[in-house]
Amino acid sequence: MDKSDDERQLLILSVLSFEEGANQSAVVAQVVRALQQLAVHFRPLMGSSGFFALYLRSVHLNRAQHACLAPLSTMERDDTHFTALQASLSSADTEQAARAGIAVIETLTGLLAGLIGLPLTMRLLTTAWANAAEGKPL
């Protein structure tokens, strides 16, 4: 892992830094907001189908480690509201939901970095999550 990849993971953790004692619904909402922001910024680059493919792949790759993630066959093709992921994470306890959400976003951004390069991925992440990078809510 190089310095830029470390920066990517630190940015994800800062965006998904859950407040002490955050309840499960707040954690799930924060994960969904982060994904919605990514969708808005990544779609012009890869289209809705491309973003959705990376998103589904990310969920699939994390199912073995995070049992709360729904099987792909039950997930809706809804990359705007992420309702299936929201329902999956809502079925888990707070800590499991946080870990699964972070894992999906880390995997999605890692896959994207493999396709377009880490520097462009970091620029997109920084733009998508500008408020969070400044310490403001998404």
N, C-alpha and C. Protein backbone atom coordinates (compact mmCIF):
# COMPACT_ATOMS: atom_id res chain seq x y z
N MET A 1 0.85 -1.17 0.00
CA MET A 1 0.00 0.00 0.00
C MET A 1 0.90 1.24 0.00
N ASP A 2 0.63 2.17 -0.91
CA ASP A 2 1.45 3.37 -0.95
C ASP A 2 0.77 4.51 -0.20
N LYS A 3 1.47 5.65 -0.17
CA LYS A 3 0.99 6.80 0.59
C LYS A 3 -0.39 7.27 0.14
N SER A 4 -0.62 7.30 -1.18
CA SER A 4 -1.91 7.75 -1.70
C SER A 4 -3.04 6.80 -1.30
N ASP A 5 -2.76 5.50 -1.28
CA ASP A 5 -3.79 4.55 -0.87
C ASP A 5 -4.10 4.72 0.61
N ASP A 6 -3.07 5.00 1.40
CA ASP A 6 -3.29 5.29 2.81
C ASP A 6 -4.18 6.52 2.95
N GLU A 7 -3.93 7.53 2.12
CA GLU A 7 -4.74 8.75 2.15
C GLU A 7 -6.19 8.46 1.77
N ARG A 8 -6.39 7.56 0.81
CA ARG A 8 -7.74 7.17 0.42
C ARG A 8 -8.47 6.54 1.59
N GLN A 9 -7.80 5.62 2.26
CA GLN A 9 -8.44 4.95 3.39
C GLN A 9 -8.68 5.91 4.56
N LEU A 10 -7.76 6.83 4.79
CA LEU A 10 -7.97 7.82 5.85
C LEU A 10 -9.13 8.74 5.52
N LEU A 11 -9.28 9.11 4.25
CA LEU A 11 -10.40 9.96 3.85
C LEU A 11 -11.72 9.22 4.08
N ILE A 12 -11.77 7.96 3.71
CA ILE A 12 -12.99 7.16 3.94
C ILE A 12 -13.31 7.11 5.43
N LEU A 13 -12.31 6.86 6.24
CA LEU A 13 -12.55 6.79 7.68
C LEU A 13 -12.97 8.14 8.26
N SER A 14 -12.46 9.23 7.69
CA SER A 14 -12.87 10.54 8.19
C SER A 14 -14.31 10.85 7.78
N VAL A 15 -14.69 10.43 6.58
CA VAL A 15 -16.07 10.64 6.12
C VAL A 15 -17.03 9.79 6.94
N LEU A 16 -16.58 8.60 7.28
CA LEU A 16 -17.43 7.68 8.04
C LEU A 16 -16.99 7.60 9.51
N SER A 17 -16.55 8.72 10.04
CA SER A 17 -16.19 8.74 11.46
C SER A 17 -17.47 8.96 12.25
N PHE A 18 -17.92 7.91 12.85
CA PHE A 18 -19.18 7.93 13.56
C PHE A 18 -18.98 8.49 14.95
N GLU A 19 -19.90 9.33 15.38
CA GLU A 19 -19.81 9.93 16.70
C GLU A 19 -19.90 8.85 17.77
N GLU A 20 -19.24 9.11 18.88
CA GLU A 20 -19.29 8.20 20.02
C GLU A 20 -20.75 7.97 20.41
N GLY A 21 -21.13 6.73 20.50
CA GLY A 21 -22.50 6.39 20.89
C GLY A 21 -23.53 6.58 19.79
N ALA A 22 -23.06 6.72 18.54
CA ALA A 22 -24.01 6.88 17.43
C ALA A 22 -24.90 5.65 17.36
N ASN A 23 -26.18 5.89 17.08
CA ASN A 23 -27.08 4.75 16.97
C ASN A 23 -27.01 4.15 15.58
N GLN A 24 -27.59 3.00 15.45
CA GLN A 24 -27.50 2.24 14.21
C GLN A 24 -28.10 2.99 13.03
N SER A 25 -29.22 3.67 13.21
CA SER A 25 -29.84 4.38 12.09
C SER A 25 -28.97 5.54 11.63
N ALA A 26 -28.26 6.20 12.54
CA ALA A 26 -27.35 7.29 12.15
C ALA A 26 -26.16 6.74 11.35
N VAL A 27 -25.64 5.60 11.76
CA VAL A 27 -24.53 4.98 11.05
C VAL A 27 -24.96 4.59 9.64
N VAL A 28 -26.10 3.95 9.52
CA VAL A 28 -26.61 3.53 8.21
C VAL A 28 -26.84 4.75 7.32
N ALA A 29 -27.43 5.78 7.86
CA ALA A 29 -27.70 7.00 7.09
C ALA A 29 -26.41 7.63 6.59
N GLN A 30 -25.37 7.64 7.40
CA GLN A 30 -24.10 8.22 7.01
C GLN A 30 -23.44 7.41 5.89
N VAL A 31 -23.51 6.10 5.97
CA VAL A 31 -22.96 5.25 4.90
C VAL A 31 -23.71 5.51 3.60
N VAL A 32 -25.03 5.56 3.66
CA VAL A 32 -25.84 5.79 2.45
C VAL A 32 -25.56 7.16 1.86
N ARG A 33 -25.45 8.20 2.70
CA ARG A 33 -25.14 9.54 2.18
C ARG A 33 -23.78 9.56 1.48
N ALA A 34 -22.80 8.88 2.06
CA ALA A 34 -21.47 8.83 1.44
C ALA A 34 -21.55 8.17 0.07
N LEU A 35 -22.30 7.08 -0.04
CA LEU A 35 -22.46 6.39 -1.33
C LEU A 35 -23.24 7.26 -2.33
N GLN A 36 -24.24 7.96 -1.86
CA GLN A 36 -25.00 8.84 -2.75
C GLN A 36 -24.10 9.93 -3.32
N GLN A 37 -23.24 10.48 -2.49
CA GLN A 37 -22.31 11.50 -2.97
C GLN A 37 -21.34 10.92 -4.00
N LEU A 38 -20.88 9.70 -3.76
CA LEU A 38 -20.00 9.05 -4.74
C LEU A 38 -20.72 8.84 -6.06
N ALA A 39 -21.96 8.38 -5.99
CA ALA A 39 -22.73 8.13 -7.21
C ALA A 39 -22.86 9.40 -8.04
N VAL A 40 -23.16 10.51 -7.39
CA VAL A 40 -23.32 11.79 -8.09
C VAL A 40 -22.04 12.16 -8.83
N HIS A 41 -20.90 11.96 -8.21
CA HIS A 41 -19.64 12.38 -8.80
C HIS A 41 -19.01 11.35 -9.74
N PHE A 42 -19.32 10.09 -9.54
CA PHE A 42 -18.72 9.05 -10.38
C PHE A 42 -19.52 8.79 -11.65
N ARG A 43 -20.83 9.04 -11.64
CA ARG A 43 -21.65 8.75 -12.81
C ARG A 43 -21.20 9.48 -14.08
N PRO A 44 -20.82 10.75 -14.02
CA PRO A 44 -20.35 11.40 -15.25
C PRO A 44 -19.13 10.72 -15.87
N LEU A 45 -18.35 10.10 -15.03
CA LEU A 45 -17.14 9.43 -15.50
C LEU A 45 -17.43 8.05 -16.09
N MET A 46 -18.35 7.30 -15.46
CA MET A 46 -18.56 5.90 -15.86
C MET A 46 -20.00 5.54 -16.16
N GLY A 47 -20.92 6.48 -16.03
CA GLY A 47 -22.33 6.20 -16.26
C GLY A 47 -22.94 5.47 -15.08
N SER A 48 -24.26 5.46 -15.04
CA SER A 48 -24.96 4.79 -13.94
C SER A 48 -24.68 3.30 -13.92
N SER A 49 -24.66 2.68 -15.09
CA SER A 49 -24.42 1.23 -15.15
C SER A 49 -23.02 0.89 -14.65
N GLY A 50 -22.04 1.70 -15.00
CA GLY A 50 -20.68 1.45 -14.55
C GLY A 50 -20.54 1.61 -13.05
N PHE A 51 -21.14 2.67 -12.51
CA PHE A 51 -21.08 2.86 -11.07
C PHE A 51 -21.79 1.72 -10.36
N PHE A 52 -22.98 1.37 -10.86
CA PHE A 52 -23.75 0.30 -10.23
C PHE A 52 -22.99 -1.02 -10.26
N ALA A 53 -22.30 -1.30 -11.36
CA ALA A 53 -21.52 -2.54 -11.46
C ALA A 53 -20.42 -2.58 -10.38
N LEU A 54 -19.72 -1.47 -10.19
CA LEU A 54 -18.68 -1.42 -9.15
C LEU A 54 -19.29 -1.54 -7.76
N TYR A 55 -20.43 -0.91 -7.57
CA TYR A 55 -21.12 -0.98 -6.29
C TYR A 55 -21.53 -2.42 -5.97
N LEU A 56 -22.17 -3.10 -6.94
CA LEU A 56 -22.59 -4.49 -6.71
C LEU A 56 -21.39 -5.39 -6.47
N ARG A 57 -20.33 -5.17 -7.21
CA ARG A 57 -19.13 -5.98 -7.03
C ARG A 57 -18.56 -5.76 -5.63
N SER A 58 -18.59 -4.53 -5.17
CA SER A 58 -18.09 -4.20 -3.84
C SER A 58 -18.89 -4.91 -2.76
N VAL A 59 -20.20 -4.91 -2.91
CA VAL A 59 -21.05 -5.60 -1.95
C VAL A 59 -20.75 -7.10 -1.99
N HIS A 60 -20.68 -7.65 -3.19
CA HIS A 60 -20.43 -9.08 -3.35
C HIS A 60 -19.10 -9.49 -2.70
N LEU A 61 -18.05 -8.71 -2.93
CA LEU A 61 -16.74 -9.06 -2.40
C LEU A 61 -16.69 -9.00 -0.87
N ASN A 62 -17.62 -8.29 -0.26
CA ASN A 62 -17.61 -8.14 1.19
C ASN A 62 -18.61 -9.02 1.92
N ARG A 63 -19.41 -9.77 1.18
CA ARG A 63 -20.45 -10.60 1.82
C ARG A 63 -19.88 -11.67 2.73
N ALA A 64 -18.76 -12.26 2.37
CA ALA A 64 -18.20 -13.34 3.20
C ALA A 64 -17.77 -12.83 4.57
N GLN A 65 -17.24 -11.61 4.62
CA GLN A 65 -16.80 -11.05 5.89
C GLN A 65 -17.91 -10.33 6.65
N HIS A 66 -18.98 -9.95 5.94
CA HIS A 66 -20.05 -9.17 6.56
C HIS A 66 -21.39 -9.81 6.19
N ALA A 67 -21.82 -10.73 7.02
CA ALA A 67 -23.03 -11.50 6.75
C ALA A 67 -24.29 -10.65 6.65
N CYS A 68 -24.25 -9.44 7.18
CA CYS A 68 -25.43 -8.58 7.12
C CYS A 68 -25.72 -8.07 5.71
N LEU A 69 -24.75 -8.15 4.81
CA LEU A 69 -24.96 -7.67 3.44
C LEU A 69 -25.85 -8.65 2.69
N ALA A 70 -26.90 -8.13 2.09
CA ALA A 70 -27.88 -8.97 1.39
C ALA A 70 -27.26 -9.62 0.16
N PRO A 71 -27.71 -10.80 -0.18
CA PRO A 71 -27.24 -11.43 -1.42
C PRO A 71 -27.60 -10.55 -2.61
N LEU A 72 -26.76 -10.59 -3.62
CA LEU A 72 -26.98 -9.75 -4.80
C LEU A 72 -28.33 -9.99 -5.45
N SER A 73 -28.84 -11.21 -5.37
CA SER A 73 -30.11 -11.52 -6.03
C SER A 73 -31.27 -10.75 -5.43
N THR A 74 -31.13 -10.29 -4.19
CA THR A 74 -32.22 -9.55 -3.56
C THR A 74 -32.00 -8.04 -3.59
N MET A 75 -30.87 -7.63 -4.10
CA MET A 75 -30.59 -6.19 -4.12
C MET A 75 -31.29 -5.53 -5.30
N GLU A 76 -31.88 -4.41 -5.04
CA GLU A 76 -32.56 -3.65 -6.08
C GLU A 76 -31.53 -2.94 -6.95
N ARG A 77 -31.90 -2.67 -8.17
CA ARG A 77 -31.03 -1.88 -9.05
C ARG A 77 -31.32 -0.41 -8.78
N ASP A 78 -30.92 0.04 -7.61
CA ASP A 78 -31.21 1.41 -7.18
C ASP A 78 -29.92 2.02 -6.65
N ASP A 79 -29.15 2.60 -7.54
CA ASP A 79 -27.88 3.16 -7.11
C ASP A 79 -28.03 4.61 -6.67
N THR A 80 -29.24 5.12 -6.56
CA THR A 80 -29.45 6.48 -6.08
C THR A 80 -29.78 6.49 -4.60
N HIS A 81 -30.65 5.61 -4.18
CA HIS A 81 -31.09 5.60 -2.79
C HIS A 81 -30.48 4.46 -1.98
N PHE A 82 -29.93 3.48 -2.63
CA PHE A 82 -29.27 2.37 -1.94
C PHE A 82 -30.18 1.73 -0.89
N THR A 83 -31.44 1.54 -1.27
CA THR A 83 -32.42 1.03 -0.31
C THR A 83 -32.12 -0.39 0.14
N ALA A 84 -31.62 -1.23 -0.76
CA ALA A 84 -31.31 -2.61 -0.36
C ALA A 84 -30.15 -2.64 0.63
N LEU A 85 -29.13 -1.84 0.37
CA LEU A 85 -28.01 -1.79 1.31
C LEU A 85 -28.47 -1.21 2.64
N GLN A 86 -29.29 -0.20 2.59
CA GLN A 86 -29.81 0.40 3.81
C GLN A 86 -30.57 -0.64 4.64
N ALA A 87 -31.39 -1.44 3.98
CA ALA A 87 -32.13 -2.49 4.69
C ALA A 87 -31.18 -3.53 5.26
N SER A 88 -30.17 -3.91 4.50
CA SER A 88 -29.19 -4.89 4.99
C SER A 88 -28.46 -4.39 6.22
N LEU A 89 -27.97 -3.16 6.14
CA LEU A 89 -27.22 -2.61 7.26
C LEU A 89 -28.12 -2.39 8.47
N SER A 90 -29.38 -2.08 8.22
CA SER A 90 -30.33 -1.87 9.32
C SER A 90 -30.63 -3.15 10.08
N SER A 91 -30.37 -4.29 9.44
CA SER A 91 -30.61 -5.57 10.12
C SER A 91 -29.44 -5.97 11.03
N ALA A 92 -28.35 -5.21 10.96
CA ALA A 92 -27.16 -5.52 11.76
C ALA A 92 -27.10 -4.60 12.97
N ASP A 93 -26.25 -4.97 13.92
CA ASP A 93 -26.05 -4.05 15.04
C ASP A 93 -25.16 -2.89 14.56
N THR A 94 -25.03 -1.89 15.38
CA THR A 94 -24.34 -0.65 14.99
C THR A 94 -22.91 -0.91 14.52
N GLU A 95 -22.16 -1.68 15.28
CA GLU A 95 -20.77 -1.94 14.93
C GLU A 95 -20.65 -2.73 13.62
N GLN A 96 -21.48 -3.74 13.45
CA GLN A 96 -21.46 -4.52 12.21
C GLN A 96 -21.84 -3.65 11.02
N ALA A 97 -22.84 -2.81 11.18
CA ALA A 97 -23.27 -1.93 10.09
C ALA A 97 -22.15 -0.98 9.70
N ALA A 98 -21.46 -0.43 10.68
CA ALA A 98 -20.35 0.48 10.41
C ALA A 98 -19.23 -0.24 9.67
N ARG A 99 -18.85 -1.40 10.16
CA ARG A 99 -17.77 -2.15 9.50
C ARG A 99 -18.12 -2.54 8.07
N ALA A 100 -19.35 -3.00 7.87
CA ALA A 100 -19.77 -3.41 6.53
C ALA A 100 -19.82 -2.21 5.59
N GLY A 101 -20.35 -1.10 6.06
CA GLY A 101 -20.42 0.10 5.23
C GLY A 101 -19.05 0.60 4.82
N ILE A 102 -18.14 0.64 5.78
CA ILE A 102 -16.77 1.05 5.48
C ILE A 102 -16.14 0.10 4.48
N ALA A 103 -16.33 -1.19 4.67
CA ALA A 103 -15.74 -2.18 3.77
C ALA A 103 -16.26 -2.02 2.34
N VAL A 104 -17.55 -1.80 2.17
CA VAL A 104 -18.12 -1.63 0.83
C VAL A 104 -17.52 -0.40 0.16
N ILE A 105 -17.42 0.70 0.89
CA ILE A 105 -16.88 1.93 0.30
C ILE A 105 -15.39 1.80 0.03
N GLU A 106 -14.65 1.16 0.92
CA GLU A 106 -13.22 0.93 0.66
C GLU A 106 -13.03 0.08 -0.59
N THR A 107 -13.83 -0.95 -0.72
CA THR A 107 -13.71 -1.83 -1.88
C THR A 107 -14.10 -1.10 -3.16
N LEU A 108 -15.20 -0.37 -3.13
CA LEU A 108 -15.65 0.36 -4.32
C LEU A 108 -14.58 1.35 -4.78
N THR A 109 -14.05 2.12 -3.85
CA THR A 109 -13.04 3.11 -4.25
C THR A 109 -11.72 2.44 -4.65
N GLY A 110 -11.42 1.30 -4.05
CA GLY A 110 -10.23 0.55 -4.45
C GLY A 110 -10.37 -0.01 -5.87
N LEU A 111 -11.54 -0.53 -6.19
CA LEU A 111 -11.79 -1.01 -7.55
C LEU A 111 -11.68 0.14 -8.56
N LEU A 112 -12.25 1.27 -8.19
CA LEU A 112 -12.18 2.43 -9.08
C LEU A 112 -10.74 2.87 -9.27
N ALA A 113 -9.97 2.89 -8.21
CA ALA A 113 -8.56 3.28 -8.31
C ALA A 113 -7.79 2.34 -9.23
N GLY A 114 -8.15 1.06 -9.20
CA GLY A 114 -7.52 0.10 -10.10
C GLY A 114 -7.85 0.36 -11.55
N LEU A 115 -9.01 0.95 -11.80
CA LEU A 115 -9.43 1.21 -13.18
C LEU A 115 -8.93 2.55 -13.72
N ILE A 116 -9.02 3.60 -12.90
CA ILE A 116 -8.68 4.94 -13.41
C ILE A 116 -7.45 5.53 -12.76
N GLY A 117 -6.90 4.84 -11.81
CA GLY A 117 -5.72 5.34 -11.12
C GLY A 117 -6.08 6.02 -9.81
N LEU A 118 -5.15 5.95 -8.89
CA LEU A 118 -5.38 6.51 -7.56
C LEU A 118 -5.43 8.03 -7.54
N PRO A 119 -4.59 8.74 -8.31
CA PRO A 119 -4.68 10.20 -8.27
C PRO A 119 -6.05 10.74 -8.70
N LEU A 120 -6.62 10.21 -9.78
CA LEU A 120 -7.93 10.66 -10.22
C LEU A 120 -9.01 10.24 -9.22
N THR A 121 -8.89 9.05 -8.70
CA THR A 121 -9.84 8.59 -7.68
C THR A 121 -9.83 9.52 -6.48
N MET A 122 -8.66 9.91 -6.02
CA MET A 122 -8.56 10.80 -4.87
C MET A 122 -9.16 12.17 -5.18
N ARG A 123 -8.95 12.67 -6.39
CA ARG A 123 -9.57 13.96 -6.75
C ARG A 123 -11.08 13.85 -6.72
N LEU A 124 -11.61 12.74 -7.25
CA LEU A 124 -13.07 12.54 -7.24
C LEU A 124 -13.60 12.40 -5.82
N LEU A 125 -12.90 11.64 -4.99
CA LEU A 125 -13.34 11.47 -3.61
C LEU A 125 -13.31 12.80 -2.85
N THR A 126 -12.25 13.56 -3.05
CA THR A 126 -12.13 14.84 -2.37
C THR A 126 -13.24 15.79 -2.80
N THR A 127 -13.59 15.76 -4.08
CA THR A 127 -14.68 16.60 -4.57
C THR A 127 -16.03 16.09 -4.04
N ALA A 128 -16.24 14.79 -4.12
CA ALA A 128 -17.52 14.22 -3.68
C ALA A 128 -17.76 14.46 -2.20
N TRP A 129 -16.71 14.38 -1.42
CA TRP A 129 -16.84 14.50 0.02
C TRP A 129 -16.23 15.78 0.55
N ALA A 130 -16.30 16.85 -0.21
CA ALA A 130 -15.67 18.12 0.18
C ALA A 130 -16.11 18.58 1.56
N ASN A 131 -17.40 18.51 1.84
CA ASN A 131 -17.90 18.94 3.15
C ASN A 131 -17.28 18.13 4.28
N ALA A 132 -17.22 16.83 4.10
CA ALA A 132 -16.66 15.97 5.15
C ALA A 132 -15.17 16.25 5.35
N ALA A 133 -14.46 16.54 4.25
CA ALA A 133 -13.04 16.84 4.37
C ALA A 133 -12.82 18.13 5.16
N GLU A 134 -13.82 19.01 5.16
CA GLU A 134 -13.74 20.26 5.92
C GLU A 134 -14.37 20.13 7.30
N GLY A 135 -14.75 18.92 7.68
CA GLY A 135 -15.33 18.68 8.99
C GLY A 135 -16.81 18.97 9.07
N LYS A 136 -17.44 19.17 7.93
CA LYS A 136 -18.90 19.44 7.90
C LYS A 136 -19.62 18.15 7.56
N PRO A 137 -20.87 18.04 7.93
CA PRO A 137 -21.63 16.83 7.56
C PRO A 137 -21.82 16.73 6.06
N LEU A 138 -21.96 15.51 5.55
CA LEU A 138 -22.18 15.30 4.12
C LEU A 138 -23.52 15.87 3.69
